[in-house]
Structure formats: structure tokens, C-alpha cells
PDB file of N, CA and C in Angstrom:
ATOM      1  N   MET A   1      -1.589  -2.035 219.048  1.00  0.00           N
ATOM      2  CA  MET A   1      -1.386  -2.821 217.861  1.00  0.00           C
ATOM      3  C   MET A   1      -0.228  -3.782 218.094  1.00  0.00           C
ATOM      4  N   THR A   2      -0.407  -5.022 217.705  1.00  0.00           N
ATOM      5  CA  THR A   2       0.612  -6.044 217.913  1.00  0.00           C
ATOM      6  C   THR A   2       1.432  -6.208 216.641  1.00  0.00           C
ATOM      7  N   ASP A   3       2.733  -6.266 216.834  1.00  0.00           N
ATOM      8  CA  ASP A   3       3.641  -6.476 215.712  1.00  0.00           C
ATOM      9  C   ASP A   3       3.518  -7.922 215.240  1.00  0.00           C
ATOM     10  N   PRO A   4       3.423  -8.181 213.921  1.00  0.00           N
ATOM     11  CA  PRO A   4       3.309  -9.562 213.433  1.00  0.00           C
ATOM     12  C   PRO A   4       4.503 -10.431 213.824  1.00  0.00           C
ATOM     13  N   LEU A   5       5.678  -9.831 213.909  1.00  0.00           N
ATOM     14  CA  LEU A   5       6.856 -10.602 214.306  1.00  0.00           C
ATOM     15  C   LEU A   5       6.732 -11.067 215.753  1.00  0.00           C
ATOM     16  N   ASP A   6       6.242 -10.180 216.629  1.00  0.00           N
ATOM     17  CA  ASP A   6       6.040 -10.571 218.024  1.00  0.00           C
ATOM     18  C   ASP A   6       5.006 -11.689 218.125  1.00  0.00           C
ATOM     19  N   HIS A   7       3.970 -11.616 217.325  1.00  0.00           N
ATOM     20  CA  HIS A   7       2.940 -12.651 217.331  1.00  0.00           C
ATOM     21  C   HIS A   7       3.536 -13.996 216.903  1.00  0.00           C
ATOM     22  N   ASP A   8       4.335 -13.983 215.817  1.00  0.00           N
ATOM     23  CA  ASP A   8       4.945 -15.225 215.329  1.00  0.00           C
ATOM     24  C   ASP A   8       5.942 -15.795 216.332  1.00  0.00           C
ATOM     25  N   LEU A   9       6.707 -14.923 216.976  1.00  0.00           N
ATOM     26  CA  LEU A   9       7.653 -15.399 217.985  1.00  0.00           C
ATOM     27  C   LEU A   9       6.936 -15.989 219.196  1.00  0.00           C
ATOM     28  N   ALA A  10       5.797 -15.416 219.558  1.00  0.00           N
ATOM     29  CA  ALA A  10       5.020 -15.970 220.660  1.00  0.00           C
ATOM     30  C   ALA A  10       4.490 -17.355 220.297  1.00  0.00           C
ATOM     31  N   LEU A  11       4.095 -17.559 219.033  1.00  0.00           N
ATOM     32  CA  LEU A  11       3.643 -18.882 218.609  1.00  0.00           C
ATOM     33  C   LEU A  11       4.784 -19.895 218.653  1.00  0.00           C
ATOM     34  N   LEU A  12       5.973 -19.459 218.282  1.00  0.00           N
ATOM     35  CA  LEU A  12       7.127 -20.361 218.324  1.00  0.00           C
ATOM     36  C   LEU A  12       7.557 -20.693 219.747  1.00  0.00           C
ATOM     37  N   ALA A  13       7.255 -19.811 220.671  1.00  0.00           N
ATOM     38  CA  ALA A  13       7.684 -20.018 222.048  1.00  0.00           C
ATOM     39  C   ALA A  13       6.759 -20.932 222.833  1.00  0.00           C
ATOM     40  N   ARG A  14       5.685 -21.404 222.223  1.00  0.00           N
ATOM     41  CA  ARG A  14       4.787 -22.320 222.927  1.00  0.00           C
ATOM     42  C   ARG A  14       5.559 -23.563 223.338  1.00  0.00           C
ATOM     43  N   PRO A  15       5.273 -24.117 224.493  1.00  0.00           N
ATOM     44  CA  PRO A  15       6.069 -25.236 225.004  1.00  0.00           C
ATOM     45  C   PRO A  15       5.897 -26.545 224.231  1.00  0.00           C
ATOM     46  N   ALA A  16       4.736 -26.832 223.712  1.00  0.00           N
ATOM     47  CA  ALA A  16       4.513 -28.127 223.056  1.00  0.00           C
ATOM     48  C   ALA A  16       4.223 -27.915 221.571  1.00  0.00           C
ATOM     49  N   PRO A  17       4.739 -28.793 220.721  1.00  0.00           N
ATOM     50  CA  PRO A  17       4.415 -28.682 219.298  1.00  0.00           C
ATOM     51  C   PRO A  17       2.961 -29.069 219.051  1.00  0.00           C
ATOM     52  N   PRO A  18       2.398 -28.672 217.929  1.00  0.00           N
ATOM     53  CA  PRO A  18       1.011 -29.031 217.637  1.00  0.00           C
ATOM     54  C   PRO A  18       0.834 -30.545 217.546  1.00  0.00           C
ATOM     55  N   ALA A  19      -0.351 -31.016 217.857  1.00  0.00           N
ATOM     56  CA  ALA A  19      -0.622 -32.455 217.846  1.00  0.00           C
ATOM     57  C   ALA A  19      -0.547 -33.038 216.437  1.00  0.00           C
ATOM     58  N   ALA A  20      -0.709 -32.219 215.420  1.00  0.00           N
ATOM     59  CA  ALA A  20      -0.652 -32.714 214.041  1.00  0.00           C
ATOM     60  C   ALA A  20       0.736 -33.219 213.673  1.00  0.00           C
ATOM     61  N   LEU A  21       1.760 -32.797 214.412  1.00  0.00           N
ATOM     62  CA  LEU A  21       3.119 -33.237 214.119  1.00  0.00           C
ATOM     63  C   LEU A  21       3.477 -34.568 214.771  1.00  0.00           C
ATOM     64  N   ASN A  22       2.593 -35.067 215.623  1.00  0.00           N
ATOM     65  CA  ASN A  22       2.869 -36.347 216.265  1.00  0.00           C
ATOM     66  C   ASN A  22       2.946 -37.447 215.228  1.00  0.00           C
ATOM     67  N   ASP A  23       3.969 -38.232 215.268  1.00  0.00           N
ATOM     68  CA  ASP A  23       4.132 -39.404 214.416  1.00  0.00           C
ATOM     69  C   ASP A  23       4.196 -39.040 212.925  1.00  0.00           C
ATOM     70  N   LEU A  24       4.646 -37.828 212.619  1.00  0.00           N
ATOM     71  CA  LEU A  24       4.698 -37.374 211.236  1.00  0.00           C
ATOM     72  C   LEU A  24       5.695 -38.189 210.415  1.00  0.00           C
ATOM     73  N   GLU A  25       6.869 -38.466 210.973  1.00  0.00           N
ATOM     74  CA  GLU A  25       7.884 -39.208 210.223  1.00  0.00           C
ATOM     75  C   GLU A  25       7.392 -40.610 209.862  1.00  0.00           C
ATOM     76  N   HIS A  26       6.700 -41.233 210.791  1.00  0.00           N
ATOM     77  CA  HIS A  26       6.188 -42.584 210.539  1.00  0.00           C
ATOM     78  C   HIS A  26       5.138 -42.559 209.429  1.00  0.00           C
ATOM     79  N   ARG A  27       4.270 -41.548 209.444  1.00  0.00           N
ATOM     80  CA  ARG A  27       3.234 -41.448 208.406  1.00  0.00           C
ATOM     81  C   ARG A  27       3.845 -41.183 207.033  1.00  0.00           C
ATOM     82  N   VAL A  28       4.881 -40.368 206.980  1.00  0.00           N
ATOM     83  CA  VAL A  28       5.532 -40.085 205.701  1.00  0.00           C
ATOM     84  C   VAL A  28       6.219 -41.338 205.179  1.00  0.00           C
ATOM     85  N   THR A  29       6.880 -42.077 206.050  1.00  0.00           N
ATOM     86  CA  THR A  29       7.545 -43.315 205.649  1.00  0.00           C
ATOM     87  C   THR A  29       6.545 -44.326 205.110  1.00  0.00           C
ATOM     88  N   LEU A  30       5.394 -44.448 205.758  1.00  0.00           N
ATOM     89  CA  LEU A  30       4.363 -45.365 205.277  1.00  0.00           C
ATOM     90  C   LEU A  30       3.819 -44.934 203.917  1.00  0.00           C
ATOM     91  N   ALA A  31       3.650 -43.625 203.707  1.00  0.00           N
ATOM     92  CA  ALA A  31       3.136 -43.132 202.429  1.00  0.00           C
ATOM     93  C   ALA A  31       4.139 -43.386 201.299  1.00  0.00           C
ATOM     94  N   ILE A  32       5.419 -43.227 201.594  1.00  0.00           N
ATOM     95  CA  ILE A  32       6.446 -43.487 200.579  1.00  0.00           C
ATOM     96  C   ILE A  32       6.485 -44.968 200.242  1.00  0.00           C
ATOM     97  N   ALA A  33       6.419 -45.806 201.262  1.00  0.00           N
ATOM     98  CA  ALA A  33       6.454 -47.249 201.029  1.00  0.00           C
ATOM     99  C   ALA A  33       5.237 -47.707 200.233  1.00  0.00           C
ATOM    100  N   ALA A  34       4.083 -47.151 200.508  1.00  0.00           N
ATOM    101  CA  ALA A  34       2.868 -47.537 199.780  1.00  0.00           C
ATOM    102  C   ALA A  34       2.918 -47.032 198.340  1.00  0.00           C
ATOM    103  N   GLY A  35       3.509 -45.873 198.103  1.00  0.00           N
ATOM    104  CA  GLY A  35       3.589 -45.320 196.756  1.00  0.00           C
ATOM    105  C   GLY A  35       4.546 -46.096 195.874  1.00  0.00           C
ATOM    106  N   GLY A  36       5.595 -46.661 196.434  1.00  0.00           N
ATOM    107  CA  GLY A  36       6.558 -47.419 195.653  1.00  0.00           C
ATOM    108  C   GLY A  36       5.994 -48.722 195.142  1.00  0.00           C
ATOM    109  N   GLU A  37       5.056 -49.300 195.856  1.00  0.00           N
ATOM    110  CA  GLU A  37       4.479 -50.569 195.437  1.00  0.00           C
ATOM    111  C   GLU A  37       3.343 -50.383 194.439  1.00  0.00           C
ATOM    112  N   ALA A  38       2.823 -49.166 194.329  1.00  0.00           N
ATOM    113  CA  ALA A  38       1.663 -48.927 193.476  1.00  0.00           C
ATOM    114  C   ALA A  38       2.016 -48.943 191.996  1.00  0.00           C
ATOM    115  N   GLY A  39       3.238 -48.869 191.672  1.00  0.00           N
ATOM    116  CA  GLY A  39       3.636 -48.865 190.264  1.00  0.00           C
ATOM    117  C   GLY A  39       4.765 -47.888 190.058  1.00  0.00           C
ATOM    118  N   GLY A  40       4.810 -47.306 188.914  1.00  0.00           N
ATOM    119  CA  GLY A  40       5.865 -46.344 188.607  1.00  0.00           C
ATOM    120  C   GLY A  40       6.248 -46.460 187.151  1.00  0.00           C
ATOM    121  N   THR A  41       7.314 -45.801 186.811  1.00  0.00           N
ATOM    122  CA  THR A  41       7.752 -45.842 185.429  1.00  0.00           C
ATOM    123  C   THR A  41       8.600 -47.079 185.200  1.00  0.00           C
ATOM    124  N   SER A  42       8.463 -47.639 184.042  1.00  0.00           N
ATOM    125  CA  SER A  42       9.251 -48.818 183.701  1.00  0.00           C
ATOM    126  C   SER A  42      10.578 -48.380 183.102  1.00  0.00           C
ATOM    127  N   GLY A  43      11.487 -49.310 183.020  1.00  0.00           N
ATOM    128  CA  GLY A  43      12.769 -49.026 182.399  1.00  0.00           C
ATOM    129  C   GLY A  43      12.613 -48.700 180.928  1.00  0.00           C
ATOM    130  N   ARG A  44      11.643 -49.338 180.289  1.00  0.00           N
ATOM    131  CA  ARG A  44      11.407 -49.081 178.869  1.00  0.00           C
ATOM    132  C   ARG A  44      10.892 -47.664 178.659  1.00  0.00           C
ATOM    133  N   GLY A  45      10.024 -47.202 179.552  1.00  0.00           N
ATOM    134  CA  GLY A  45       9.512 -45.835 179.448  1.00  0.00           C
ATOM    135  C   GLY A  45      10.611 -44.807 179.626  1.00  0.00           C
ATOM    136  N   LEU A  46      11.516 -45.044 180.577  1.00  0.00           N
ATOM    137  CA  LEU A  46      12.624 -44.123 180.783  1.00  0.00           C
ATOM    138  C   LEU A  46      13.562 -44.119 179.576  1.00  0.00           C
ATOM    139  N   ALA A  47      13.792 -45.279 178.981  1.00  0.00           N
ATOM    140  CA  ALA A  47      14.650 -45.353 177.796  1.00  0.00           C
ATOM    141  C   ALA A  47      14.030 -44.593 176.633  1.00  0.00           C
ATOM    142  N   MET A  48      12.726 -44.710 176.465  1.00  0.00           N
ATOM    143  CA  MET A  48      12.046 -43.987 175.381  1.00  0.00           C
ATOM    144  C   MET A  48      12.112 -42.472 175.615  1.00  0.00           C
ATOM    145  N   ALA A  49      11.963 -42.052 176.853  1.00  0.00           N
ATOM    146  CA  ALA A  49      12.050 -40.628 177.159  1.00  0.00           C
ATOM    147  C   ALA A  49      13.459 -40.102 176.887  1.00  0.00           C
ATOM    148  N   ALA A  50      14.479 -40.871 177.264  1.00  0.00           N
ATOM    149  CA  ALA A  50      15.859 -40.455 177.012  1.00  0.00           C
ATOM    150  C   ALA A  50      16.144 -40.383 175.518  1.00  0.00           C
ATOM    151  N   LEU A  51      15.655 -41.350 174.762  1.00  0.00           N
ATOM    152  CA  LEU A  51      15.850 -41.347 173.312  1.00  0.00           C
ATOM    153  C   LEU A  51      15.154 -40.139 172.675  1.00  0.00           C
ATOM    154  N   GLY A  52      13.945 -39.845 173.111  1.00  0.00           N
ATOM    155  CA  GLY A  52      13.230 -38.677 172.596  1.00  0.00           C
ATOM    156  C   GLY A  52      13.956 -37.381 172.901  1.00  0.00           C
ATOM    157  N   ALA A  53      14.485 -37.261 174.110  1.00  0.00           N
ATOM    158  CA  ALA A  53      15.211 -36.049 174.482  1.00  0.00           C
ATOM    159  C   ALA A  53      16.480 -35.903 173.651  1.00  0.00           C
ATOM    160  N   MET A  54      17.165 -37.012 173.406  1.00  0.00           N
ATOM    161  CA  MET A  54      18.382 -36.969 172.621  1.00  0.00           C
ATOM    162  C   MET A  54      18.081 -36.575 171.170  1.00  0.00           C
ATOM    163  N   LEU A  55      17.033 -37.134 170.603  1.00  0.00           N
ATOM    164  CA  LEU A  55      16.666 -36.774 169.228  1.00  0.00           C
ATOM    165  C   LEU A  55      16.243 -35.315 169.126  1.00  0.00           C
ATOM    166  N   LEU A  56      15.531 -34.833 170.122  1.00  0.00           N
ATOM    167  CA  LEU A  56      15.122 -33.433 170.129  1.00  0.00           C
ATOM    168  C   LEU A  56      16.338 -32.515 170.218  1.00  0.00           C
ATOM    169  N   GLY A  57      17.321 -32.893 171.034  1.00  0.00           N
ATOM    170  CA  GLY A  57      18.544 -32.103 171.147  1.00  0.00           C
ATOM    171  C   GLY A  57      19.338 -32.096 169.856  1.00  0.00           C
ATOM    172  N   LEU A  58      19.433 -33.243 169.196  1.00  0.00           N
ATOM    173  CA  LEU A  58      20.150 -33.300 167.924  1.00  0.00           C
ATOM    174  C   LEU A  58      19.453 -32.478 166.854  1.00  0.00           C
ATOM    175  N   ALA A  59      18.143 -32.536 166.817  1.00  0.00           N
ATOM    176  CA  ALA A  59      17.395 -31.750 165.827  1.00  0.00           C
ATOM    177  C   ALA A  59      17.554 -30.257 166.091  1.00  0.00           C
ATOM    178  N   GLY A  60      17.471 -29.857 167.343  1.00  0.00           N
ATOM    179  CA  GLY A  60      17.644 -28.440 167.676  1.00  0.00           C
ATOM    180  C   GLY A  60      19.044 -27.953 167.372  1.00  0.00           C
ATOM    181  N   GLY A  61      20.049 -28.786 167.646  1.00  0.00           N
ATOM    182  CA  GLY A  61      21.422 -28.411 167.328  1.00  0.00           C
ATOM    183  C   GLY A  61      21.644 -28.300 165.833  1.00  0.00           C
ATOM    184  N   GLY A  62      21.013 -29.172 165.057  1.00  0.00           N
ATOM    185  CA  GLY A  62      21.137 -29.092 163.606  1.00  0.00           C
ATOM    186  C   GLY A  62      20.513 -27.835 163.046  1.00  0.00           C
ATOM    187  N   VAL A  63      19.385 -27.424 163.602  1.00  0.00           N
ATOM    188  CA  VAL A  63      18.728 -26.195 163.136  1.00  0.00           C
ATOM    189  C   VAL A  63      19.601 -24.994 163.459  1.00  0.00           C
ATOM    190  N   MET A  64      20.178 -24.966 164.650  1.00  0.00           N
ATOM    191  CA  MET A  64      21.000 -23.823 165.039  1.00  0.00           C
ATOM    192  C   MET A  64      22.294 -23.753 164.239  1.00  0.00           C
ATOM    193  N   SER A  65      22.889 -24.904 163.916  1.00  0.00           N
ATOM    194  CA  SER A  65      24.140 -24.870 163.169  1.00  0.00           C
ATOM    195  C   SER A  65      23.916 -24.489 161.717  1.00  0.00           C
ATOM    196  N   ALA A  66      22.713 -24.659 161.202  1.00  0.00           N
ATOM    197  CA  ALA A  66      22.419 -24.304 159.821  1.00  0.00           C
ATOM    198  C   ALA A  66      22.186 -22.811 159.641  1.00  0.00           C
ATOM    199  N   ARG A  67      21.962 -22.100 160.717  1.00  0.00           N
ATOM    200  CA  ARG A  67      21.720 -20.657 160.604  1.00  0.00           C
ATOM    201  C   ARG A  67      23.008 -19.939 160.221  1.00  0.00           C
ATOM    202  N   SER A  68      22.881 -18.888 159.461  1.00  0.00           N
ATOM    203  CA  SER A  68      24.063 -18.178 158.972  1.00  0.00           C
ATOM    204  C   SER A  68      24.805 -17.466 160.099  1.00  0.00           C
ATOM    205  N   GLU A  69      24.110 -17.024 161.133  1.00  0.00           N
ATOM    206  CA  GLU A  69      24.778 -16.327 162.233  1.00  0.00           C
ATOM    207  C   GLU A  69      25.720 -17.256 162.970  1.00  0.00           C
ATOM    208  N   ALA A  70      25.376 -18.539 163.030  1.00  0.00           N
ATOM    209  CA  ALA A  70      26.225 -19.483 163.747  1.00  0.00           C
ATOM    210  C   ALA A  70      27.494 -19.779 162.966  1.00  0.00           C
ATOM    211  N   ARG A  71      27.439 -19.693 161.621  1.00  0.00           N
ATOM    212  CA  ARG A  71      28.612 -19.990 160.806  1.00  0.00           C
ATOM    213  C   ARG A  71      29.478 -18.777 160.563  1.00  0.00           C
ATOM    214  N   ALA A  72      28.954 -17.573 160.731  1.00  0.00           N
ATOM    215  CA  ALA A  72      29.714 -16.352 160.473  1.00  0.00           C
ATOM    216  C   ALA A  72      30.794 -16.162 161.527  1.00  0.00           C
ATOM    217  N   GLN A  73      31.852 -15.485 161.114  1.00  0.00           N
ATOM    218  CA  GLN A  73      32.940 -15.182 162.041  1.00  0.00           C
ATOM    219  C   GLN A  73      32.452 -14.161 163.067  1.00  0.00           C
ATOM    220  N   PRO A  74      32.824 -14.325 164.311  1.00  0.00           N
ATOM    221  CA  PRO A  74      32.409 -13.324 165.302  1.00  0.00           C
ATOM    222  C   PRO A  74      33.094 -11.991 165.018  1.00  0.00           C
ATOM    223  N   GLY A  75      32.389 -10.920 165.259  1.00  0.00           N
ATOM    224  CA  GLY A  75      32.937  -9.588 165.035  1.00  0.00           C
ATOM    225  C   GLY A  75      34.055  -9.280 166.007  1.00  0.00           C
ATOM    226  N   ARG A  76      34.992  -8.506 165.564  1.00  0.00           N
ATOM    227  CA  ARG A  76      36.114  -8.115 166.413  1.00  0.00           C
ATOM    228  C   ARG A  76      35.662  -6.969 167.310  1.00  0.00           C
ATOM    229  N   ILE A  77      36.088  -7.031 168.542  1.00  0.00           N
ATOM    230  CA  ILE A  77      35.729  -5.994 169.499  1.00  0.00           C
ATOM    231  C   ILE A  77      36.985  -5.190 169.798  1.00  0.00           C
ATOM    232  N   ALA A  78      36.898  -3.894 169.563  1.00  0.00           N
ATOM    233  CA  ALA A  78      38.039  -3.023 169.848  1.00  0.00           C
ATOM    234  C   ALA A  78      38.060  -2.716 171.342  1.00  0.00           C
ATOM    235  N   VAL A  79      39.198  -2.953 171.944  1.00  0.00           N
ATOM    236  CA  VAL A  79      39.343  -2.702 173.375  1.00  0.00           C
ATOM    237  C   VAL A  79      40.156  -1.430 173.541  1.00  0.00           C
ATOM    238  N   VAL A  80      39.600  -0.492 174.233  1.00  0.00           N
ATOM    239  CA  VAL A  80      40.278   0.775 174.484  1.00  0.00           C
ATOM    240  C   VAL A  80      40.704   0.790 175.935  1.00  0.00           C
ATOM    241  N   LEU A  81      41.980   1.029 176.168  1.00  0.00           N
ATOM    242  CA  LEU A  81      42.496   1.047 177.530  1.00  0.00           C
ATOM    243  C   LEU A  81      42.785   2.482 177.957  1.00  0.00           C
ATOM    244  N   ASP A  82      41.742   3.256 178.099  1.00  0.00           N
ATOM    245  CA  ASP A  82      41.887   4.616 178.593  1.00  0.00           C
ATOM    246  C   ASP A  82      41.614   4.568 180.091  1.00  0.00           C
ATOM    247  N   ALA A  83      42.659   4.408 180.880  1.00  0.00           N
ATOM    248  CA  ALA A  83      42.508   4.228 182.320  1.00  0.00           C
ATOM    249  C   ALA A  83      42.803   5.502 183.084  1.00  0.00           C
ATOM    250  N   GLY A  84      42.539   6.639 182.470  1.00  0.00           N
ATOM    251  CA  GLY A  84      42.855   7.909 183.125  1.00  0.00           C
ATOM    252  C   GLY A  84      42.054   8.148 184.390  1.00  0.00           C
ATOM    253  N   LEU A  85      40.819   7.685 184.443  1.00  0.00           N
ATOM    254  CA  LEU A  85      39.988   7.896 185.627  1.00  0.00           C
ATOM    255  C   LEU A  85      39.736   6.607 186.397  1.00  0.00           C
ATOM    256  N   ALA A  86      40.549   5.590 186.167  1.00  0.00           N
ATOM    257  CA  ALA A  86      40.388   4.348 186.899  1.00  0.00           C
ATOM    258  C   ALA A  86      40.751   4.557 188.354  1.00  0.00           C
ATOM    259  N   PRO A  87      40.044   3.904 189.278  1.00  0.00           N
ATOM    260  CA  PRO A  87      40.357   4.087 190.707  1.00  0.00           C
ATOM    261  C   PRO A  87      41.807   3.735 191.043  1.00  0.00           C
ATOM    262  N   SER A  88      42.363   2.717 190.406  1.00  0.00           N
ATOM    263  CA  SER A  88      43.741   2.354 190.714  1.00  0.00           C
ATOM    264  C   SER A  88      44.700   3.452 190.289  1.00  0.00           C
ATOM    265  N   THR A  89      44.399   4.115 189.166  1.00  0.00           N
ATOM    266  CA  THR A  89      45.257   5.200 188.705  1.00  0.00           C
ATOM    267  C   THR A  89      45.146   6.404 189.625  1.00  0.00           C
ATOM    268  N   LEU A  90      43.941   6.707 190.062  1.00  0.00           N
ATOM    269  CA  LEU A  90      43.743   7.862 190.951  1.00  0.00           C
ATOM    270  C   LEU A  90      44.367   7.624 192.319  1.00  0.00           C
ATOM    271  N   LEU A  91      44.332   6.388 192.802  1.00  0.00           N
ATOM    272  CA  LEU A  91      44.926   6.103 194.109  1.00  0.00           C
ATOM    273  C   LEU A  91      46.446   6.163 194.082  1.00  0.00           C
ATOM    274  N   LEU A  92      47.036   5.852 192.941  1.00  0.00           N
ATOM    275  CA  LEU A  92      48.491   5.893 192.827  1.00  0.00           C
ATOM    276  C   LEU A  92      48.995   7.304 192.543  1.00  0.00           C
ATOM    277  N   GLY A  93      48.102   8.237 192.262  1.00  0.00           N
ATOM    278  CA  GLY A  93      48.486   9.627 192.044  1.00  0.00           C
ATOM    279  C   GLY A  93      49.058   9.888 190.679  1.00  0.00           C
ATOM    280  N   ARG A  94      48.688   9.086 189.692  1.00  0.00           N
ATOM    281  CA  ARG A  94      49.205   9.296 188.337  1.00  0.00           C
ATOM    282  C   ARG A  94      48.398  10.347 187.625  1.00  0.00           C
TER     283      ARG A  94
END
């Protein structure tokens, strides 16, 4: 039985890369250049999206601030400092 790791390492140890990788960077650059000329979002569309996001955030913040839990005082938390079994106390021999 062959270990999958040994199989993968043997594939990596091949002397030449696969032919599909030839000229890959050039093909990617050409695809990016062709995609940029095909169109894209306009400045007006981006402005409308930003305005919509801002209005949605303001509306959500208004709903949350109107809730009674948001206006109530936070409860006090009692802190107990019983450090009898703390590691620092045990190491110091107290």
C-alpha cells in the first residue's frame, strides 16, 4: 500500500512542470486586460451603493438605540478576589 503523502511528494519531485502552466502569467494578464475594457461599474453605481449602505446602517442603528436594553444601565458585576488556589499564590507558598 502506498502512502498518499509519498505519492504527492513523488508528483512534486517530477523534473518538469506540467505543460498547462506554460505561459500562464501571460494568459492571466491578457484576461485581466480584456475584462477591464468590457465594462464595469460606473462611479454613479458605486455612489448609489455607498448611499444605500449608509442609510441601512443609520436605520439599523436607530432601531437598536430605540430598544430599552440599549438605554438601560448596565448591571454591576461583583468581582470576588478569592485567590487562595491561584497558581501564583501556590508557587509563593502562601
